[in-house]
N, C-alpha and C. Protein backbone atom coordinates (compact mmCIF):
# COMPACT_ATOMS: atom_id res chain seq x y z
N MET A 1 3.10 -31.75 9.02
CA MET A 1 2.97 -30.47 8.35
C MET A 1 1.71 -30.51 7.51
N GLU A 2 1.05 -29.40 7.45
CA GLU A 2 -0.19 -29.30 6.69
C GLU A 2 -0.16 -28.06 5.82
N LEU A 3 -0.49 -28.23 4.56
CA LEU A 3 -0.59 -27.09 3.65
C LEU A 3 -1.96 -26.46 3.83
N VAL A 4 -1.97 -25.17 4.13
CA VAL A 4 -3.23 -24.45 4.33
C VAL A 4 -3.49 -23.63 3.08
N SER A 5 -4.64 -23.87 2.48
CA SER A 5 -5.00 -23.12 1.27
C SER A 5 -6.27 -22.33 1.54
N ASN A 6 -6.68 -21.57 0.59
CA ASN A 6 -7.87 -20.72 0.70
C ASN A 6 -7.77 -19.71 1.83
N VAL A 7 -6.58 -19.21 2.09
CA VAL A 7 -6.39 -18.16 3.10
C VAL A 7 -6.27 -16.83 2.37
N LYS A 8 -7.09 -15.88 2.78
CA LYS A 8 -7.01 -14.53 2.21
C LYS A 8 -6.24 -13.68 3.19
N MET A 9 -5.25 -12.94 2.69
CA MET A 9 -4.40 -12.13 3.55
C MET A 9 -4.40 -10.68 3.09
N ALA A 10 -4.25 -9.79 4.05
CA ALA A 10 -4.11 -8.37 3.76
C ALA A 10 -3.26 -7.75 4.86
N SER A 11 -2.43 -6.76 4.50
CA SER A 11 -1.59 -6.07 5.48
C SER A 11 -1.85 -4.58 5.42
N PHE A 12 -1.74 -3.95 6.60
CA PHE A 12 -1.99 -2.52 6.75
C PHE A 12 -0.88 -1.93 7.60
N SER A 13 -0.25 -0.87 7.12
CA SER A 13 0.91 -0.29 7.80
C SER A 13 0.55 0.96 8.58
N SER A 14 1.31 1.19 9.64
CA SER A 14 1.15 2.42 10.41
C SER A 14 1.64 3.59 9.57
N TRP A 15 1.38 4.76 10.05
CA TRP A 15 1.78 5.94 9.30
C TRP A 15 3.15 6.46 9.71
N ALA A 16 3.89 5.68 10.44
CA ALA A 16 5.23 6.09 10.86
C ALA A 16 6.07 6.43 9.63
N ARG A 17 6.89 7.44 9.77
CA ARG A 17 7.70 7.86 8.63
C ARG A 17 9.12 7.28 8.68
N ASN A 18 9.38 6.47 9.68
CA ASN A 18 10.71 5.87 9.74
C ASN A 18 10.67 4.47 9.13
N ASP A 19 11.80 3.80 9.16
CA ASP A 19 11.88 2.48 8.55
C ASP A 19 11.20 1.39 9.37
N GLU A 20 10.99 1.65 10.64
CA GLU A 20 10.42 0.65 11.54
C GLU A 20 8.91 0.86 11.65
N LYS A 21 8.17 0.32 10.72
CA LYS A 21 6.72 0.50 10.74
C LYS A 21 6.03 -0.65 11.45
N ASP A 22 5.02 -0.31 12.21
CA ASP A 22 4.13 -1.32 12.78
C ASP A 22 3.16 -1.73 11.67
N CYS A 23 2.65 -2.94 11.75
CA CYS A 23 1.68 -3.35 10.74
C CYS A 23 0.70 -4.37 11.30
N VAL A 24 -0.47 -4.40 10.69
CA VAL A 24 -1.50 -5.38 10.99
C VAL A 24 -1.61 -6.28 9.78
N THR A 25 -1.62 -7.58 10.02
CA THR A 25 -1.87 -8.55 8.96
C THR A 25 -3.11 -9.34 9.34
N LEU A 26 -4.05 -9.39 8.42
CA LEU A 26 -5.27 -10.18 8.61
C LEU A 26 -5.13 -11.45 7.79
N MET A 27 -5.48 -12.57 8.39
CA MET A 27 -5.53 -13.84 7.68
C MET A 27 -6.92 -14.41 7.85
N ARG A 28 -7.66 -14.49 6.76
CA ARG A 28 -9.05 -14.96 6.80
C ARG A 28 -9.09 -16.42 6.35
N PHE A 29 -9.46 -17.29 7.28
CA PHE A 29 -9.62 -18.71 7.01
C PHE A 29 -11.10 -19.00 6.77
N ASP A 30 -11.45 -20.24 6.55
CA ASP A 30 -12.85 -20.59 6.28
C ASP A 30 -13.76 -20.32 7.46
N ASP A 31 -13.26 -20.46 8.69
CA ASP A 31 -14.14 -20.36 9.85
C ASP A 31 -13.71 -19.31 10.89
N HIS A 32 -12.62 -18.62 10.66
CA HIS A 32 -12.17 -17.60 11.60
C HIS A 32 -11.19 -16.65 10.92
N LEU A 33 -10.77 -15.65 11.67
CA LEU A 33 -9.83 -14.64 11.17
C LEU A 33 -8.74 -14.45 12.20
N LEU A 34 -7.49 -14.33 11.76
CA LEU A 34 -6.39 -13.99 12.64
C LEU A 34 -6.01 -12.53 12.41
N PHE A 35 -5.92 -11.78 13.50
CA PHE A 35 -5.53 -10.38 13.48
C PHE A 35 -4.15 -10.33 14.13
N CYS A 36 -3.11 -10.08 13.34
CA CYS A 36 -1.73 -10.09 13.84
C CYS A 36 -1.18 -8.67 13.79
N LEU A 37 -0.79 -8.16 14.94
CA LEU A 37 -0.21 -6.83 15.05
C LEU A 37 1.26 -6.96 15.38
N LYS A 38 2.11 -6.52 14.45
CA LYS A 38 3.56 -6.54 14.66
C LYS A 38 3.99 -5.13 14.99
N GLN A 39 4.70 -5.00 16.11
CA GLN A 39 5.22 -3.71 16.51
C GLN A 39 6.73 -3.70 16.32
N SER A 40 7.25 -2.57 15.86
CA SER A 40 8.70 -2.47 15.66
C SER A 40 9.43 -2.49 16.99
N TYR A 41 8.81 -1.93 18.02
CA TYR A 41 9.39 -1.95 19.37
C TYR A 41 8.34 -2.53 20.30
N GLY A 42 8.68 -3.56 21.00
CA GLY A 42 7.73 -4.17 21.92
C GLY A 42 7.06 -5.37 21.31
N PRO A 43 6.34 -6.11 22.14
CA PRO A 43 5.70 -7.33 21.67
C PRO A 43 4.49 -7.02 20.79
N GLY A 44 4.23 -7.90 19.89
CA GLY A 44 3.03 -7.80 19.08
C GLY A 44 1.96 -8.69 19.69
N ILE A 45 0.82 -8.76 19.04
CA ILE A 45 -0.25 -9.63 19.50
C ILE A 45 -0.88 -10.34 18.31
N THR A 46 -1.50 -11.46 18.57
CA THR A 46 -2.30 -12.16 17.58
C THR A 46 -3.63 -12.50 18.22
N LEU A 47 -4.70 -12.11 17.56
CA LEU A 47 -6.05 -12.39 18.04
C LEU A 47 -6.75 -13.32 17.06
N ARG A 48 -7.34 -14.38 17.57
CA ARG A 48 -8.19 -15.24 16.76
C ARG A 48 -9.61 -14.74 16.96
N MET A 49 -10.27 -14.36 15.87
CA MET A 49 -11.60 -13.75 15.95
C MET A 49 -12.59 -14.54 15.10
N SER A 50 -13.83 -14.55 15.58
CA SER A 50 -14.91 -15.02 14.73
C SER A 50 -15.18 -13.92 13.71
N PHE A 51 -15.92 -14.23 12.67
CA PHE A 51 -16.25 -13.21 11.69
C PHE A 51 -17.13 -12.12 12.30
N GLU A 52 -17.95 -12.49 13.28
CA GLU A 52 -18.81 -11.51 13.95
C GLU A 52 -17.96 -10.55 14.78
N GLU A 53 -16.98 -11.07 15.50
CA GLU A 53 -16.10 -10.20 16.31
C GLU A 53 -15.28 -9.28 15.41
N ALA A 54 -14.82 -9.79 14.29
CA ALA A 54 -14.06 -8.97 13.34
C ALA A 54 -14.94 -7.86 12.78
N ALA A 55 -16.18 -8.19 12.46
CA ALA A 55 -17.10 -7.18 11.93
C ALA A 55 -17.40 -6.11 12.97
N GLU A 56 -17.47 -6.48 14.26
CA GLU A 56 -17.69 -5.50 15.32
C GLU A 56 -16.52 -4.53 15.41
N LEU A 57 -15.29 -5.05 15.33
CA LEU A 57 -14.11 -4.18 15.36
C LEU A 57 -14.10 -3.27 14.13
N GLY A 58 -14.43 -3.81 12.98
CA GLY A 58 -14.53 -3.01 11.77
C GLY A 58 -15.56 -1.90 11.90
N ALA A 59 -16.70 -2.21 12.54
CA ALA A 59 -17.74 -1.20 12.76
C ALA A 59 -17.27 -0.12 13.73
N ASP A 60 -16.48 -0.52 14.74
CA ASP A 60 -15.92 0.46 15.68
C ASP A 60 -15.03 1.45 14.94
N ILE A 61 -14.22 0.96 14.04
CA ILE A 61 -13.34 1.84 13.24
C ILE A 61 -14.18 2.73 12.34
N MET A 62 -15.21 2.15 11.71
CA MET A 62 -16.02 2.89 10.76
C MET A 62 -16.81 4.02 11.43
N LYS A 63 -17.10 3.89 12.74
CA LYS A 63 -17.80 4.97 13.45
C LYS A 63 -16.98 6.25 13.42
N LEU A 64 -15.66 6.12 13.37
CA LEU A 64 -14.79 7.29 13.35
C LEU A 64 -14.55 7.82 11.94
N LEU A 65 -14.90 7.03 10.95
CA LEU A 65 -14.64 7.40 9.57
C LEU A 65 -15.93 7.35 8.76
N PRO A 66 -16.61 8.47 8.57
CA PRO A 66 -17.81 8.44 7.74
C PRO A 66 -17.46 8.02 6.31
N SER A 67 -18.42 7.91 5.48
CA SER A 67 -18.22 7.36 4.14
C SER A 67 -17.16 8.11 3.33
N SER A 68 -16.87 9.34 3.70
CA SER A 68 -15.85 10.10 2.96
C SER A 68 -14.44 9.61 3.25
N GLY A 69 -14.28 8.79 4.32
CA GLY A 69 -12.95 8.35 4.68
C GLY A 69 -12.21 9.34 5.55
N ARG A 70 -12.87 10.43 5.91
CA ARG A 70 -12.28 11.41 6.81
C ARG A 70 -12.83 11.18 8.19
N VAL A 71 -12.12 11.65 9.20
CA VAL A 71 -12.58 11.44 10.57
C VAL A 71 -13.82 12.28 10.85
N VAL A 72 -14.60 11.85 11.84
CA VAL A 72 -15.83 12.55 12.19
C VAL A 72 -15.49 13.94 12.72
N PRO A 73 -16.45 14.88 12.64
CA PRO A 73 -16.20 16.23 13.17
C PRO A 73 -15.86 16.19 14.66
N TYR A 74 -15.16 17.19 15.10
CA TYR A 74 -14.68 17.25 16.48
C TYR A 74 -15.82 17.08 17.49
N SER A 75 -16.96 17.66 17.21
CA SER A 75 -18.10 17.62 18.15
C SER A 75 -18.66 16.20 18.33
N GLU A 76 -18.40 15.30 17.39
CA GLU A 76 -18.94 13.95 17.45
C GLU A 76 -17.92 12.90 17.90
N ARG A 77 -16.71 13.30 18.17
CA ARG A 77 -15.64 12.33 18.42
C ARG A 77 -15.80 11.53 19.70
N GLU A 78 -16.22 12.16 20.77
CA GLU A 78 -16.32 11.44 22.04
C GLU A 78 -17.33 10.31 21.95
N SER A 79 -18.44 10.53 21.27
CA SER A 79 -19.46 9.48 21.15
C SER A 79 -19.04 8.41 20.16
N ALA A 80 -18.13 8.71 19.24
CA ALA A 80 -17.70 7.73 18.25
C ALA A 80 -16.57 6.83 18.78
N ARG A 81 -15.87 7.28 19.79
CA ARG A 81 -14.77 6.51 20.37
C ARG A 81 -15.34 5.25 21.02
N THR A 82 -14.65 4.12 20.89
CA THR A 82 -15.13 2.89 21.51
C THR A 82 -14.10 2.32 22.46
N ASN A 83 -14.59 1.67 23.47
CA ASN A 83 -13.77 1.00 24.46
C ASN A 83 -14.45 -0.35 24.70
N ARG A 84 -13.97 -1.38 24.00
CA ARG A 84 -14.61 -2.69 24.03
C ARG A 84 -13.83 -3.64 24.93
N PHE A 85 -14.54 -4.26 25.85
CA PHE A 85 -13.95 -5.28 26.73
C PHE A 85 -14.37 -6.64 26.21
N VAL A 86 -13.39 -7.53 26.00
CA VAL A 86 -13.66 -8.87 25.48
C VAL A 86 -13.79 -9.82 26.66
N PRO A 87 -15.00 -10.30 26.95
CA PRO A 87 -15.21 -11.18 28.10
C PRO A 87 -14.35 -12.44 28.03
N GLY A 88 -13.88 -12.88 29.19
CA GLY A 88 -13.11 -14.11 29.27
C GLY A 88 -11.64 -13.97 28.93
N THR A 89 -11.22 -12.79 28.49
CA THR A 89 -9.82 -12.61 28.10
C THR A 89 -9.13 -11.48 28.84
N ASN A 90 -9.88 -10.63 29.51
CA ASN A 90 -9.37 -9.39 30.11
C ASN A 90 -8.82 -8.43 29.06
N LEU A 91 -9.13 -8.66 27.80
CA LEU A 91 -8.63 -7.80 26.73
C LEU A 91 -9.54 -6.59 26.57
N ASN A 92 -8.92 -5.42 26.54
CA ASN A 92 -9.61 -4.17 26.31
C ASN A 92 -9.12 -3.61 24.98
N ILE A 93 -10.05 -3.29 24.09
CA ILE A 93 -9.71 -2.74 22.77
C ILE A 93 -10.29 -1.33 22.69
N ILE A 94 -9.41 -0.35 22.51
CA ILE A 94 -9.83 1.04 22.41
C ILE A 94 -9.56 1.53 20.99
N VAL A 95 -10.60 2.06 20.37
CA VAL A 95 -10.50 2.63 19.02
C VAL A 95 -10.76 4.12 19.16
N ASN A 96 -9.80 4.93 18.73
CA ASN A 96 -9.88 6.37 18.96
C ASN A 96 -9.25 7.12 17.80
N ILE A 97 -9.52 8.41 17.74
CA ILE A 97 -8.87 9.28 16.75
C ILE A 97 -7.53 9.72 17.31
N THR A 98 -6.55 9.80 16.45
CA THR A 98 -5.22 10.27 16.85
C THR A 98 -4.75 11.30 15.83
N THR A 99 -3.77 12.08 16.21
CA THR A 99 -3.22 13.09 15.31
C THR A 99 -1.70 13.05 15.36
N GLN A 100 -1.10 13.58 14.34
CA GLN A 100 0.34 13.82 14.34
C GLN A 100 0.57 15.11 13.59
N GLY A 101 1.65 15.78 13.89
CA GLY A 101 1.88 17.10 13.32
C GLY A 101 2.96 17.13 12.26
N GLU A 102 3.02 18.23 11.59
CA GLU A 102 4.04 18.59 10.59
C GLU A 102 4.25 17.52 9.52
N PRO A 103 3.43 17.41 8.53
CA PRO A 103 2.16 18.12 8.37
C PRO A 103 1.08 17.49 9.25
N PHE A 104 0.13 18.30 9.67
CA PHE A 104 -0.92 17.82 10.55
C PHE A 104 -1.76 16.77 9.84
N GLU A 105 -1.95 15.64 10.49
CA GLU A 105 -2.77 14.57 9.95
C GLU A 105 -3.63 13.99 11.06
N GLU A 106 -4.78 13.49 10.68
CA GLU A 106 -5.63 12.77 11.62
C GLU A 106 -5.71 11.32 11.17
N GLY A 107 -5.84 10.43 12.13
CA GLY A 107 -5.93 9.02 11.83
C GLY A 107 -6.67 8.30 12.94
N VAL A 108 -6.50 7.00 12.99
CA VAL A 108 -7.19 6.15 13.96
C VAL A 108 -6.14 5.34 14.71
N SER A 109 -6.32 5.26 16.03
CA SER A 109 -5.43 4.41 16.82
C SER A 109 -6.21 3.21 17.35
N LEU A 110 -5.56 2.07 17.36
CA LEU A 110 -6.10 0.84 17.95
C LEU A 110 -5.18 0.46 19.09
N ASP A 111 -5.72 0.36 20.29
CA ASP A 111 -4.95 0.01 21.48
C ASP A 111 -5.51 -1.26 22.08
N PHE A 112 -4.61 -2.20 22.39
CA PHE A 112 -4.99 -3.49 22.96
C PHE A 112 -4.25 -3.64 24.29
N SER A 113 -5.00 -3.95 25.34
CA SER A 113 -4.39 -4.07 26.66
C SER A 113 -5.14 -5.10 27.49
N THR A 114 -4.40 -5.85 28.31
CA THR A 114 -5.02 -6.76 29.27
C THR A 114 -4.91 -6.21 30.67
N GLY A 115 -4.35 -5.02 30.83
CA GLY A 115 -4.27 -4.39 32.13
C GLY A 115 -3.08 -4.83 32.96
N ASP A 116 -2.22 -5.69 32.42
CA ASP A 116 -1.07 -6.18 33.19
C ASP A 116 0.24 -5.50 32.79
N TYR A 117 0.19 -4.52 31.93
CA TYR A 117 1.36 -3.78 31.45
C TYR A 117 2.37 -4.65 30.73
N GLU A 118 2.05 -5.92 30.51
CA GLU A 118 2.92 -6.78 29.73
C GLU A 118 2.31 -7.08 28.38
N THR A 119 1.00 -7.14 28.31
CA THR A 119 0.32 -7.42 27.06
C THR A 119 -0.35 -6.14 26.59
N ASN A 120 0.44 -5.25 26.05
CA ASN A 120 -0.05 -3.99 25.52
C ASN A 120 0.49 -3.84 24.10
N ALA A 121 -0.37 -3.46 23.19
CA ALA A 121 0.06 -3.23 21.82
C ALA A 121 -0.83 -2.15 21.23
N SER A 122 -0.29 -1.38 20.33
CA SER A 122 -1.09 -0.34 19.68
C SER A 122 -0.52 -0.05 18.31
N ILE A 123 -1.37 0.54 17.50
CA ILE A 123 -0.96 0.97 16.17
C ILE A 123 -1.76 2.21 15.81
N GLU A 124 -1.11 3.13 15.11
CA GLU A 124 -1.77 4.32 14.60
C GLU A 124 -1.79 4.23 13.08
N LEU A 125 -2.97 4.40 12.51
CA LEU A 125 -3.16 4.25 11.08
C LEU A 125 -3.66 5.55 10.47
N SER A 126 -3.26 5.81 9.24
CA SER A 126 -3.84 6.93 8.50
C SER A 126 -5.32 6.62 8.26
N THR A 127 -6.09 7.64 7.92
CA THR A 127 -7.51 7.40 7.65
C THR A 127 -7.68 6.41 6.50
N TYR A 128 -6.82 6.49 5.50
CA TYR A 128 -6.90 5.58 4.35
C TYR A 128 -6.67 4.13 4.78
N GLU A 129 -5.63 3.88 5.56
CA GLU A 129 -5.34 2.51 6.02
C GLU A 129 -6.43 2.01 6.96
N ALA A 130 -6.91 2.88 7.86
CA ALA A 130 -7.96 2.49 8.79
C ALA A 130 -9.25 2.15 8.04
N TRP A 131 -9.57 2.94 7.04
CA TRP A 131 -10.76 2.71 6.21
C TRP A 131 -10.66 1.33 5.55
N ASN A 132 -9.51 1.04 4.97
CA ASN A 132 -9.32 -0.26 4.31
C ASN A 132 -9.34 -1.41 5.30
N LEU A 133 -8.75 -1.21 6.49
CA LEU A 133 -8.78 -2.24 7.51
C LEU A 133 -10.21 -2.53 7.95
N SER A 134 -11.01 -1.49 8.14
CA SER A 134 -12.39 -1.70 8.56
C SER A 134 -13.17 -2.47 7.52
N LYS A 135 -12.91 -2.21 6.26
CA LYS A 135 -13.59 -2.95 5.18
C LYS A 135 -13.14 -4.41 5.16
N ALA A 136 -11.87 -4.66 5.41
CA ALA A 136 -11.37 -6.03 5.41
C ALA A 136 -11.90 -6.83 6.59
N LEU A 137 -12.17 -6.16 7.70
CA LEU A 137 -12.70 -6.84 8.88
C LEU A 137 -14.19 -7.17 8.72
N ALA A 138 -14.88 -6.43 7.86
CA ALA A 138 -16.34 -6.62 7.70
C ALA A 138 -16.66 -7.94 7.04
């Protein structure tokens, strides 16, 4: 057993209004970052990322959220959406704008898929949570 110290952690919750919330937990070690996505229904995923890869994902999220923390205007959304393929893993990461109604809200969705219908995970975040996640990934 080994005691691991100097780990910085942060958690970000989905905007679900029920008791079963999905969440992302980031664990920043000295030389890498773990991105853990827990889903209330279905399997979660854990990604080991370099700081550069984490910063790229953070930048993908930030493209959808200008400095105001609000989503980009409708006319700019298609160009802001990202679909990143991670070489050597078959992992596809899609960052997109999502909405939910009553009351109407806009947010950001993160979808992870390897194309085998077994390794699929996603989370929908409010603009506030997505903004904070992007800053933590940077």
